[in-house]
Amino acid sequence: MLTAFCILIYLALTQEKSLYLIAIAFGCALTFLPTLINFSLLNSEIKSRFPKHSHETSPNCLNCTATVSLHFCPNCGQKSTTHRYSIKHFVEHDFVHGVWHVDKGIFFTVKELFTRPGHSVREFIQGKRVIYFSFITLILMLLTLNGLLAPYAQIRMVDLMPQGSKEMMGTLERFMATYPKLVMIITIPFYSLFSFLWFRKSRLNFSEHLVLNSYRIIPELIIGILITVICIFYTNTKVLSFLYIGIVGTFGLCYTVWFYYQFFSAYYVNKKLLLLRSIAVPASYMFLSFLVGIIIGAMALLKANQVVFVWM
């Protein structure tokens, strides 16, 4: 079955790109369906031979062996009730509660990041973490989803740049226009450095600034994926350029300022000073990008002049 799965993917990639997802889905079905069936039969056999103890309470924690009298272990925090894993439990509990749960999980985290971003991330850093989805896992999932969708987009982000701008773009600018999602990840340490410097009064360490800035880019990644989906079905470059450069760019700047303003509102009483510092973080990053662009452009011009001089 695994060999058939690999052959299907190879044929899809070499013959017809449009069959890529169909081949993967069909191959996964051929590969894993027999395993799931056998696992289900084995699970039924286990239930018939052993007594059912779906949610039995143990007097000792099964994780650290500490004495347990409440619903959670006072030593390590694990639940005192245990269950035997089954496909039904995995689908109904682990997957549904972990991804689709309305008061925690992915959807709850995304909702909080779009409605009260600064307050929710501050709560996470201060210790309220059970209800929020891991920022590392969520970023990796979004990047994976974007990687699956990007090959089917008929318009790339670099195609939305004005022709004059594309001709003047250097290596760095072209890289940033070609891989905007990757650039967002790369900018996290730089934004963290500037937020650390501008909001020193909060007394957060640099690692905590890395966490809050990692959560900050998630809504921008989601909107970028939505733009990619639109580019699969819509090819008007003028409309897409306005949508991506105008609306999305404006949203990114406004969201960043709003995010910092909310997050650090618990540390600053002077709201005008708080707003200025919130604006100063993205402004500092843009100024740094401008300086780097000038330096790279000057180095490229110097190198070109040296080549001309040697040729002469």
C-alpha atoms as a PDB file:
ATOM      1  CA  MET A   1       0.000   0.000   0.000  1.00  0.00           C
ATOM      2  CA  LEU A   2       2.834   2.390   0.819  1.00  0.00           C
ATOM      3  CA  THR A   3       4.423   1.645  -2.565  1.00  0.00           C
ATOM      4  CA  ALA A   4       1.141   2.408  -4.329  1.00  0.00           C
ATOM      5  CA  PHE A   5       0.886   5.666  -2.408  1.00  0.00           C
ATOM      6  CA  CYS A   6       4.400   6.739  -3.517  1.00  0.00           C
ATOM      7  CA  ILE A   7       3.705   5.784  -7.145  1.00  0.00           C
ATOM      8  CA  LEU A   8       0.505   7.852  -7.185  1.00  0.00           C
ATOM      9  CA  ILE A   9       2.292  10.941  -5.871  1.00  0.00           C
ATOM     10  CA  TYR A  10       5.141  10.480  -8.389  1.00  0.00           C
ATOM     11  CA  LEU A  11       2.698  10.234 -11.305  1.00  0.00           C
ATOM     12  CA  ALA A  12       0.774  13.264 -10.101  1.00  0.00           C
ATOM     13  CA  LEU A  13       3.891  15.402  -9.822  1.00  0.00           C
ATOM     14  CA  THR A  14       5.353  14.338 -13.189  1.00  0.00           C
ATOM     15  CA  GLN A  15       2.214  14.181 -15.281  1.00  0.00           C
ATOM     16  CA  GLU A  16      -0.509  16.538 -14.080  1.00  0.00           C
ATOM     17  CA  LYS A  17      -0.144  19.021 -11.223  1.00  0.00           C
ATOM     18  CA  SER A  18      -3.924  19.315 -10.838  1.00  0.00           C
ATOM     19  CA  LEU A  19      -4.082  15.684  -9.711  1.00  0.00           C
ATOM     20  CA  TYR A  20      -1.669  16.329  -6.846  1.00  0.00           C
ATOM     21  CA  LEU A  21      -4.169  16.601  -4.000  1.00  0.00           C
ATOM     22  CA  ILE A  22      -6.424  13.879  -5.458  1.00  0.00           C
ATOM     23  CA  ALA A  23      -3.512  11.475  -5.612  1.00  0.00           C
ATOM     24  CA  ILE A  24      -2.450  12.247  -2.043  1.00  0.00           C
ATOM     25  CA  ALA A  25      -5.978  11.776  -0.711  1.00  0.00           C
ATOM     26  CA  PHE A  26      -6.455   8.526  -2.617  1.00  0.00           C
ATOM     27  CA  GLY A  27      -3.008   7.286  -1.625  1.00  0.00           C
ATOM     28  CA  CYS A  28      -3.627   8.084   2.038  1.00  0.00           C
ATOM     29  CA  ALA A  29      -6.898   6.168   1.867  1.00  0.00           C
ATOM     30  CA  LEU A  30      -5.200   3.135   0.331  1.00  0.00           C
ATOM     31  CA  THR A  31      -2.345   3.300   2.811  1.00  0.00           C
ATOM     32  CA  PHE A  32      -4.076   3.958   6.104  1.00  0.00           C
ATOM     33  CA  LEU A  33      -7.602   2.553   5.682  1.00  0.00           C
ATOM     34  CA  PRO A  34      -6.563  -1.091   6.220  1.00  0.00           C
ATOM     35  CA  THR A  35      -4.571  -0.006   9.297  1.00  0.00           C
ATOM     36  CA  LEU A  36      -7.561   1.836  10.741  1.00  0.00           C
ATOM     37  CA  ILE A  37      -9.830  -1.135  10.100  1.00  0.00           C
ATOM     38  CA  ASN A  38      -7.392  -3.524  11.764  1.00  0.00           C
ATOM     39  CA  PHE A  39      -6.952  -1.140  14.705  1.00  0.00           C
ATOM     40  CA  SER A  40     -10.709  -0.903  15.115  1.00  0.00           C
ATOM     41  CA  LEU A  41     -11.047  -4.695  15.112  1.00  0.00           C
ATOM     42  CA  LEU A  42      -8.205  -4.963  17.617  1.00  0.00           C
ATOM     43  CA  ASN A  43      -9.857  -2.332  19.815  1.00  0.00           C
ATOM     44  CA  SER A  44     -13.128  -4.325  19.776  1.00  0.00           C
ATOM     45  CA  GLU A  45     -11.222  -7.497  20.670  1.00  0.00           C
ATOM     46  CA  ILE A  46      -9.527  -5.760  23.619  1.00  0.00           C
ATOM     47  CA  LYS A  47     -12.863  -4.453  24.892  1.00  0.00           C
ATOM     48  CA  SER A  48     -14.361  -7.950  24.749  1.00  0.00           C
ATOM     49  CA  ARG A  49     -11.468  -9.562  26.647  1.00  0.00           C
ATOM     50  CA  PHE A  50     -10.733  -6.915  29.279  1.00  0.00           C
ATOM     51  CA  PRO A  51     -13.113  -5.128  31.635  1.00  0.00           C
ATOM     52  CA  LYS A  52     -14.107  -1.610  30.691  1.00  0.00           C
ATOM     53  CA  HIS A  53     -12.449   1.147  32.705  1.00  0.00           C
ATOM     54  CA  SER A  54     -13.125   4.185  30.559  1.00  0.00           C
ATOM     55  CA  HIS A  55     -12.867   6.840  33.244  1.00  0.00           C
ATOM     56  CA  GLU A  56     -11.688   5.126  36.435  1.00  0.00           C
ATOM     57  CA  THR A  57     -10.136   7.229  39.174  1.00  0.00           C
ATOM     58  CA  SER A  58      -6.808   6.016  40.526  1.00  0.00           C
ATOM     59  CA  PRO A  59      -5.754   6.796  44.143  1.00  0.00           C
ATOM     60  CA  ASN A  60      -2.272   7.593  42.820  1.00  0.00           C
ATOM     61  CA  CYS A  61      -1.315   9.699  39.844  1.00  0.00           C
ATOM     62  CA  LEU A  62      -0.385   7.464  36.932  1.00  0.00           C
ATOM     63  CA  ASN A  63       2.163  10.050  35.795  1.00  0.00           C
ATOM     64  CA  CYS A  64       4.170  10.823  38.974  1.00  0.00           C
ATOM     65  CA  THR A  65       2.598   8.361  41.527  1.00  0.00           C
ATOM     66  CA  ALA A  66       1.652  11.172  43.930  1.00  0.00           C
ATOM     67  CA  THR A  67      -1.481  10.698  46.064  1.00  0.00           C
ATOM     68  CA  VAL A  68      -4.535  12.167  44.347  1.00  0.00           C
ATOM     69  CA  SER A  69      -7.777  13.168  46.055  1.00  0.00           C
ATOM     70  CA  LEU A  70      -9.144  15.730  43.580  1.00  0.00           C
ATOM     71  CA  HIS A  71      -9.755  15.817  39.828  1.00  0.00           C
ATOM     72  CA  PHE A  72      -6.140  16.827  39.106  1.00  0.00           C
ATOM     73  CA  CYS A  73      -2.802  15.760  40.539  1.00  0.00           C
ATOM     74  CA  PRO A  74      -1.470  18.465  42.914  1.00  0.00           C
ATOM     75  CA  ASN A  75       2.099  17.585  41.912  1.00  0.00           C
ATOM     76  CA  CYS A  76       2.137  17.424  38.081  1.00  0.00           C
ATOM     77  CA  GLY A  77      -1.381  18.563  37.100  1.00  0.00           C
ATOM     78  CA  GLN A  78      -2.481  15.438  35.245  1.00  0.00           C
ATOM     79  CA  LYS A  79      -6.143  14.421  35.449  1.00  0.00           C
ATOM     80  CA  SER A  80      -6.931  11.773  38.042  1.00  0.00           C
ATOM     81  CA  THR A  81      -9.398  10.061  35.678  1.00  0.00           C
ATOM     82  CA  THR A  82      -7.924   7.816  33.002  1.00  0.00           C
ATOM     83  CA  HIS A  83      -9.304   6.330  29.837  1.00  0.00           C
ATOM     84  CA  ARG A  84      -8.285   3.719  27.316  1.00  0.00           C
ATOM     85  CA  TYR A  85      -7.494   5.252  23.943  1.00  0.00           C
ATOM     86  CA  SER A  86      -9.750   4.329  21.043  1.00  0.00           C
ATOM     87  CA  ILE A  87     -10.546   5.779  17.643  1.00  0.00           C
ATOM     88  CA  LYS A  88     -13.884   7.037  18.957  1.00  0.00           C
ATOM     89  CA  HIS A  89     -12.248   8.829  21.881  1.00  0.00           C
ATOM     90  CA  PHE A  90      -9.546  10.304  19.661  1.00  0.00           C
ATOM     91  CA  VAL A  91     -12.082  11.742  17.198  1.00  0.00           C
ATOM     92  CA  GLU A  92     -14.682  12.877  19.735  1.00  0.00           C
ATOM     93  CA  HIS A  93     -12.328  14.179  22.432  1.00  0.00           C
ATOM     94  CA  ASP A  94      -8.703  14.797  21.478  1.00  0.00           C
ATOM     95  CA  PHE A  95      -9.247  16.103  17.922  1.00  0.00           C
ATOM     96  CA  VAL A  96     -12.533  17.940  18.457  1.00  0.00           C
ATOM     97  CA  HIS A  97     -11.526  19.490  21.784  1.00  0.00           C
ATOM     98  CA  GLY A  98      -8.018  20.323  20.644  1.00  0.00           C
ATOM     99  CA  VAL A  99      -8.970  21.985  17.349  1.00  0.00           C
ATOM    100  CA  TRP A 100     -12.663  22.912  17.304  1.00  0.00           C
ATOM    101  CA  HIS A 101     -13.360  23.644  20.964  1.00  0.00           C
ATOM    102  CA  VAL A 102     -15.121  26.997  21.350  1.00  0.00           C
ATOM    103  CA  ASP A 103     -13.448  27.990  24.618  1.00  0.00           C
ATOM    104  CA  LYS A 104      -9.912  26.846  23.802  1.00  0.00           C
ATOM    105  CA  GLY A 105      -7.867  25.510  20.916  1.00  0.00           C
ATOM    106  CA  ILE A 106      -7.138  26.872  17.435  1.00  0.00           C
ATOM    107  CA  PHE A 107     -10.416  28.685  16.724  1.00  0.00           C
ATOM    108  CA  PHE A 108     -10.520  30.279  20.159  1.00  0.00           C
ATOM    109  CA  THR A 109      -6.913  31.454  19.842  1.00  0.00           C
ATOM    110  CA  VAL A 110      -7.504  32.902  16.366  1.00  0.00           C
ATOM    111  CA  LYS A 111     -10.693  34.631  17.558  1.00  0.00           C
ATOM    112  CA  GLU A 112      -8.834  36.192  20.475  1.00  0.00           C
ATOM    113  CA  LEU A 113      -6.006  37.361  18.202  1.00  0.00           C
ATOM    114  CA  PHE A 114      -8.499  39.168  15.977  1.00  0.00           C
ATOM    115  CA  THR A 115     -10.706  40.639  18.728  1.00  0.00           C
ATOM    116  CA  ARG A 116      -8.439  41.301  21.745  1.00  0.00           C
ATOM    117  CA  PRO A 117      -4.906  40.461  20.607  1.00  0.00           C
ATOM    118  CA  GLY A 118      -2.810  42.320  23.163  1.00  0.00           C
ATOM    119  CA  HIS A 119      -4.885  41.357  26.192  1.00  0.00           C
ATOM    120  CA  SER A 120      -5.042  37.663  25.239  1.00  0.00           C
ATOM    121  CA  VAL A 121      -1.301  37.330  24.564  1.00  0.00           C
ATOM    122  CA  ARG A 122      -0.495  39.160  27.813  1.00  0.00           C
ATOM    123  CA  GLU A 123      -2.703  36.670  29.672  1.00  0.00           C
ATOM    124  CA  PHE A 124      -0.817  33.827  27.980  1.00  0.00           C
ATOM    125  CA  ILE A 125       2.596  35.188  28.962  1.00  0.00           C
ATOM    126  CA  GLN A 126       1.434  35.857  32.527  1.00  0.00           C
ATOM    127  CA  GLY A 127       0.426  32.201  32.924  1.00  0.00           C
ATOM    128  CA  LYS A 128      -3.090  31.664  31.537  1.00  0.00           C
ATOM    129  CA  ARG A 129      -1.990  29.130  28.929  1.00  0.00           C
ATOM    130  CA  VAL A 130      -4.278  26.101  28.944  1.00  0.00           C
ATOM    131  CA  ILE A 131      -6.980  27.701  26.782  1.00  0.00           C
ATOM    132  CA  TYR A 132      -4.579  29.015  24.129  1.00  0.00           C
ATOM    133  CA  PHE A 133      -3.102  27.025  21.250  1.00  0.00           C
ATOM    134  CA  SER A 134       0.699  26.830  20.971  1.00  0.00           C
ATOM    135  CA  PHE A 135       2.004  29.654  18.805  1.00  0.00           C
ATOM    136  CA  ILE A 136       4.803  27.476  17.370  1.00  0.00           C
ATOM    137  CA  THR A 137       2.405  24.730  16.290  1.00  0.00           C
ATOM    138  CA  LEU A 138      -0.063  27.239  14.872  1.00  0.00           C
ATOM    139  CA  ILE A 139       2.616  29.042  12.836  1.00  0.00           C
ATOM    140  CA  LEU A 140       3.916  25.728  11.464  1.00  0.00           C
ATOM    141  CA  MET A 141       0.374  24.679  10.513  1.00  0.00           C
ATOM    142  CA  LEU A 142      -0.240  27.972   8.708  1.00  0.00           C
ATOM    143  CA  LEU A 143       3.067  27.755   6.839  1.00  0.00           C
ATOM    144  CA  THR A 144       2.281  24.178   5.830  1.00  0.00           C
ATOM    145  CA  LEU A 145      -1.173  25.177   4.589  1.00  0.00           C
ATOM    146  CA  ASN A 146       0.313  28.060   2.623  1.00  0.00           C
ATOM    147  CA  GLY A 147       2.909  25.705   1.114  1.00  0.00           C
ATOM    148  CA  LEU A 148       0.140  23.375  -0.090  1.00  0.00           C
ATOM    149  CA  LEU A 149      -1.898  26.200  -1.622  1.00  0.00           C
ATOM    150  CA  ALA A 150       0.892  28.324  -3.133  1.00  0.00           C
ATOM    151  CA  PRO A 151       1.611  26.070  -6.175  1.00  0.00           C
ATOM    152  CA  TYR A 152      -2.003  26.498  -7.334  1.00  0.00           C
ATOM    153  CA  ALA A 153      -2.031  30.303  -7.143  1.00  0.00           C
ATOM    154  CA  GLN A 154      -2.043  31.770 -10.651  1.00  0.00           C
ATOM    155  CA  ILE A 155      -0.623  35.072  -9.390  1.00  0.00           C
ATOM    156  CA  ARG A 156       2.443  35.316  -7.151  1.00  0.00           C
ATOM    157  CA  MET A 157       3.009  38.127  -4.709  1.00  0.00           C
ATOM    158  CA  VAL A 158       5.983  39.383  -6.723  1.00  0.00           C
ATOM    159  CA  ASP A 159       3.687  39.724  -9.765  1.00  0.00           C
ATOM    160  CA  LEU A 160       1.610  42.286  -7.869  1.00  0.00           C
ATOM    161  CA  MET A 161       4.510  44.728  -7.664  1.00  0.00           C
ATOM    162  CA  PRO A 162       4.538  47.606 -10.186  1.00  0.00           C
ATOM    163  CA  GLN A 163       6.749  46.914 -13.211  1.00  0.00           C
ATOM    164  CA  GLY A 164       9.040  49.846 -12.428  1.00  0.00           C
ATOM    165  CA  SER A 165       9.500  48.639  -8.869  1.00  0.00           C
ATOM    166  CA  LYS A 166      10.310  45.102 -10.035  1.00  0.00           C
ATOM    167  CA  GLU A 167      13.023  46.374 -12.380  1.00  0.00           C
ATOM    168  CA  MET A 168      14.653  48.338  -9.552  1.00  0.00           C
ATOM    169  CA  MET A 169      14.429  45.503  -7.024  1.00  0.00           C
ATOM    170  CA  GLY A 170      17.669  44.068  -5.738  1.00  0.00           C
ATOM    171  CA  THR A 171      18.313  40.539  -4.483  1.00  0.00           C
ATOM    172  CA  LEU A 172      17.000  41.269  -0.975  1.00  0.00           C
ATOM    173  CA  GLU A 173      13.857  43.037  -2.192  1.00  0.00           C
ATOM    174  CA  ARG A 174      13.108  40.252  -4.662  1.00  0.00           C
ATOM    175  CA  PHE A 175      13.522  37.643  -1.921  1.00  0.00           C
ATOM    176  CA  MET A 176      11.156  39.577   0.360  1.00  0.00           C
ATOM    177  CA  ALA A 177       8.545  39.885  -2.407  1.00  0.00           C
ATOM    178  CA  THR A 178       8.842  36.217  -3.380  1.00  0.00           C
ATOM    179  CA  TYR A 179       8.695  34.771   0.149  1.00  0.00           C
ATOM    180  CA  PRO A 180       6.581  37.187   2.227  1.00  0.00           C
ATOM    181  CA  LYS A 181       5.531  34.528   4.773  1.00  0.00           C
ATOM    182  CA  LEU A 182       9.122  33.510   5.433  1.00  0.00           C
ATOM    183  CA  VAL A 183      10.067  37.163   5.805  1.00  0.00           C
ATOM    184  CA  MET A 184       7.407  37.526   8.525  1.00  0.00           C
ATOM    185  CA  ILE A 185       9.112  34.755  10.495  1.00  0.00           C
ATOM    186  CA  ILE A 186      12.536  36.339  10.012  1.00  0.00           C
ATOM    187  CA  THR A 187      11.276  39.707  11.283  1.00  0.00           C
ATOM    188  CA  ILE A 188      10.186  38.278  14.666  1.00  0.00           C
ATOM    189  CA  PRO A 189      13.599  38.741  16.388  1.00  0.00           C
ATOM    190  CA  PHE A 190      13.934  42.295  15.021  1.00  0.00           C
ATOM    191  CA  TYR A 191      10.465  43.334  16.171  1.00  0.00           C
ATOM    192  CA  SER A 192      11.212  41.660  19.504  1.00  0.00           C
ATOM    193  CA  LEU A 193      14.381  43.700  19.895  1.00  0.00           C
ATOM    194  CA  PHE A 194      12.560  46.975  19.192  1.00  0.00           C
ATOM    195  CA  SER A 195       9.596  46.140  21.446  1.00  0.00           C
ATOM    196  CA  PHE A 196      12.088  45.153  24.162  1.00  0.00           C
ATOM    197  CA  LEU A 197      13.856  48.520  23.850  1.00  0.00           C
ATOM    198  CA  TRP A 198      10.754  50.708  23.565  1.00  0.00           C
ATOM    199  CA  PHE A 199       8.843  48.958  26.371  1.00  0.00           C
ATOM    200  CA  ARG A 200      11.619  48.396  28.903  1.00  0.00           C
ATOM    201  CA  LYS A 201       9.316  49.557  31.710  1.00  0.00           C
ATOM    202  CA  SER A 202       7.247  46.356  31.344  1.00  0.00           C
ATOM    203  CA  ARG A 203      10.291  44.372  32.600  1.00  0.00           C
ATOM    204  CA  LEU A 204       9.611  41.513  30.203  1.00  0.00           C
ATOM    205  CA  ASN A 205      12.652  39.553  29.112  1.00  0.00           C
ATOM    206  CA  PHE A 206      13.627  39.103  25.461  1.00  0.00           C
ATOM    207  CA  SER A 207      12.181  35.575  25.282  1.00  0.00           C
ATOM    208  CA  GLU A 208       8.770  36.883  26.304  1.00  0.00           C
ATOM    209  CA  HIS A 209       9.013  39.517  23.576  1.00  0.00           C
ATOM    210  CA  LEU A 210       9.761  36.709  21.112  1.00  0.00           C
ATOM    211  CA  VAL A 211       6.573  34.946  22.215  1.00  0.00           C
ATOM    212  CA  LEU A 212       4.328  38.003  21.943  1.00  0.00           C
ATOM    213  CA  ASN A 213       5.722  38.927  18.514  1.00  0.00           C
ATOM    214  CA  SER A 214       5.247  35.350  17.324  1.00  0.00           C
ATOM    215  CA  TYR A 215       1.550  35.582  18.176  1.00  0.00           C
ATOM    216  CA  ARG A 216       1.442  39.016  16.518  1.00  0.00           C
ATOM    217  CA  ILE A 217       2.237  37.672  13.033  1.00  0.00           C
ATOM    218  CA  ILE A 218      -0.417  34.918  13.076  1.00  0.00           C
ATOM    219  CA  PRO A 219      -3.335  37.106  11.839  1.00  0.00           C
ATOM    220  CA  GLU A 220      -1.104  38.446   9.054  1.00  0.00           C
ATOM    221  CA  LEU A 221      -0.255  34.874   8.041  1.00  0.00           C
ATOM    222  CA  ILE A 222      -3.960  33.980   7.971  1.00  0.00           C
ATOM    223  CA  ILE A 223      -4.833  36.969   5.796  1.00  0.00           C
ATOM    224  CA  GLY A 224      -1.910  36.127   3.516  1.00  0.00           C
ATOM    225  CA  ILE A 225      -3.321  32.610   3.087  1.00  0.00           C
ATOM    226  CA  LEU A 226      -6.731  34.084   2.213  1.00  0.00           C
ATOM    227  CA  ILE A 227      -5.047  36.236  -0.462  1.00  0.00           C
ATOM    228  CA  THR A 228      -3.348  33.098  -1.807  1.00  0.00           C
ATOM    229  CA  VAL A 229      -6.736  31.353  -2.040  1.00  0.00           C
ATOM    230  CA  ILE A 230      -8.142  34.346  -3.937  1.00  0.00           C
ATOM    231  CA  CYS A 231      -5.177  34.205  -6.336  1.00  0.00           C
ATOM    232  CA  ILE A 232      -6.127  30.631  -7.228  1.00  0.00           C
ATOM    233  CA  PHE A 233      -9.470  31.721  -8.697  1.00  0.00           C
ATOM    234  CA  TYR A 234      -8.947  35.406  -9.511  1.00  0.00           C
ATOM    235  CA  THR A 235      -6.213  36.849 -11.741  1.00  0.00           C
ATOM    236  CA  ASN A 236      -6.898  40.593 -12.056  1.00  0.00           C
ATOM    237  CA  THR A 237      -3.516  41.980 -11.012  1.00  0.00           C
ATOM    238  CA  LYS A 238      -4.750  45.556 -10.521  1.00  0.00           C
ATOM    239  CA  VAL A 239      -7.431  44.533  -8.032  1.00  0.00           C
ATOM    240  CA  LEU A 240      -5.111  42.057  -6.305  1.00  0.00           C
ATOM    241  CA  SER A 241      -2.340  44.676  -6.073  1.00  0.00           C
ATOM    242  CA  PHE A 242      -4.721  47.101  -4.370  1.00  0.00           C
ATOM    243  CA  LEU A 243      -5.993  44.336  -2.115  1.00  0.00           C
ATOM    244  CA  TYR A 244      -2.556  43.074  -1.066  1.00  0.00           C
ATOM    245  CA  ILE A 245      -0.404  46.193  -1.038  1.00  0.00           C
ATOM    246  CA  GLY A 246      -3.087  48.685  -0.011  1.00  0.00           C
ATOM    247  CA  ILE A 247      -5.538  46.927   2.274  1.00  0.00           C
ATOM    248  CA  VAL A 248      -3.344  44.127   3.667  1.00  0.00           C
ATOM    249  CA  GLY A 249      -0.358  46.442   4.138  1.00  0.00           C
ATOM    250  CA  THR A 250      -2.504  48.991   5.964  1.00  0.00           C
ATOM    251  CA  PHE A 251      -4.059  46.262   8.099  1.00  0.00           C
ATOM    252  CA  GLY A 252      -0.619  44.932   9.071  1.00  0.00           C
ATOM    253  CA  LEU A 253       0.564  48.332  10.267  1.00  0.00           C
ATOM    254  CA  CYS A 254      -2.654  49.210  12.124  1.00  0.00           C
ATOM    255  CA  TYR A 255      -2.908  45.758  13.684  1.00  0.00           C
ATOM    256  CA  THR A 256       0.697  45.934  14.919  1.00  0.00           C
ATOM    257  CA  VAL A 257       0.114  49.287  16.625  1.00  0.00           C
ATOM    258  CA  TRP A 258      -3.188  48.060  18.125  1.00  0.00           C
ATOM    259  CA  PHE A 259      -1.516  44.859  19.330  1.00  0.00           C
ATOM    260  CA  TYR A 260       1.278  46.691  21.194  1.00  0.00           C
ATOM    261  CA  TYR A 261      -1.138  49.289  22.565  1.00  0.00           C
ATOM    262  CA  GLN A 262      -3.369  46.598  24.073  1.00  0.00           C
ATOM    263  CA  PHE A 263      -0.559  44.387  25.318  1.00  0.00           C
ATOM    264  CA  PHE A 264       1.375  47.109  27.153  1.00  0.00           C
ATOM    265  CA  SER A 265      -1.696  49.014  28.383  1.00  0.00           C
ATOM    266  CA  ALA A 266      -1.285  47.216  31.729  1.00  0.00           C
ATOM    267  CA  TYR A 267       2.196  48.695  32.170  1.00  0.00           C
ATOM    268  CA  TYR A 268       1.719  52.333  31.046  1.00  0.00           C
ATOM    269  CA  VAL A 269      -0.717  54.842  32.522  1.00  0.00           C
ATOM    270  CA  ASN A 270       0.025  57.626  30.014  1.00  0.00           C
ATOM    271  CA  LYS A 271      -2.000  56.565  26.961  1.00  0.00           C
ATOM    272  CA  LYS A 272      -0.418  59.107  24.614  1.00  0.00           C
ATOM    273  CA  LEU A 273       3.057  57.861  25.485  1.00  0.00           C
ATOM    274  CA  LEU A 274       1.825  54.281  25.078  1.00  0.00           C
ATOM    275  CA  LEU A 275       0.478  55.052  21.593  1.00  0.00           C
ATOM    276  CA  LEU A 276       3.712  56.749  20.542  1.00  0.00           C
ATOM    277  CA  ARG A 277       5.771  53.790  21.724  1.00  0.00           C
ATOM    278  CA  SER A 278       3.410  51.399  19.927  1.00  0.00           C
ATOM    279  CA  ILE A 279       3.954  53.331  16.695  1.00  0.00           C
ATOM    280  CA  ALA A 280       7.709  53.545  17.325  1.00  0.00           C
ATOM    281  CA  VAL A 281       8.210  49.766  17.160  1.00  0.00           C
ATOM    282  CA  PRO A 282       7.093  49.248  13.510  1.00  0.00           C
ATOM    283  CA  ALA A 283       8.596  52.644  12.596  1.00  0.00           C
ATOM    284  CA  SER A 284      11.963  51.495  13.963  1.00  0.00           C
ATOM    285  CA  TYR A 285      11.787  48.303  11.941  1.00  0.00           C
ATOM    286  CA  MET A 286      10.916  50.207   8.738  1.00  0.00           C
ATOM    287  CA  PHE A 287      13.815  52.596   9.360  1.00  0.00           C
ATOM    288  CA  LEU A 288      16.169  49.630   9.851  1.00  0.00           C
ATOM    289  CA  SER A 289      14.898  48.056   6.611  1.00  0.00           C
ATOM    290  CA  PHE A 290      15.477  51.368   4.822  1.00  0.00           C
ATOM    291  CA  LEU A 291      19.065  51.562   6.092  1.00  0.00           C
ATOM    292  CA  VAL A 292      19.776  47.952   5.136  1.00  0.00           C
ATOM    293  CA  GLY A 293      18.349  48.593   1.662  1.00  0.00           C
ATOM    294  CA  ILE A 294      20.600  51.641   1.214  1.00  0.00           C
ATOM    295  CA  ILE A 295      23.680  49.693   2.351  1.00  0.00           C
ATOM    296  CA  ILE A 296      22.939  46.742   0.060  1.00  0.00           C
ATOM    297  CA  GLY A 297      22.213  49.081  -2.850  1.00  0.00           C
ATOM    298  CA  ALA A 298      25.466  50.973  -2.258  1.00  0.00           C
ATOM    299  CA  MET A 299      27.421  47.703  -2.092  1.00  0.00           C
ATOM    300  CA  ALA A 300      25.817  46.497  -5.340  1.00  0.00           C
ATOM    301  CA  LEU A 301      26.597  49.817  -7.064  1.00  0.00           C
ATOM    302  CA  LEU A 302      30.189  49.718  -5.814  1.00  0.00           C
ATOM    303  CA  LYS A 303      30.582  46.160  -7.070  1.00  0.00           C
ATOM    304  CA  ALA A 304      29.165  47.134 -10.484  1.00  0.00           C
ATOM    305  CA  ASN A 305      31.586  50.057 -10.739  1.00  0.00           C
ATOM    306  CA  GLN A 306      34.493  47.763  -9.897  1.00  0.00           C
ATOM    307  CA  VAL A 307      33.425  45.357 -12.632  1.00  0.00           C
ATOM    308  CA  VAL A 308      33.239  48.204 -15.177  1.00  0.00           C
ATOM    309  CA  PHE A 309      36.644  49.520 -14.067  1.00  0.00           C
ATOM    310  CA  VAL A 310      38.257  46.080 -14.443  1.00  0.00           C
ATOM    311  CA  TRP A 311      36.651  45.637 -17.877  1.00  0.00           C
ATOM    312  CA  MET A 312      38.024  48.966 -19.034  1.00  0.00           C
END
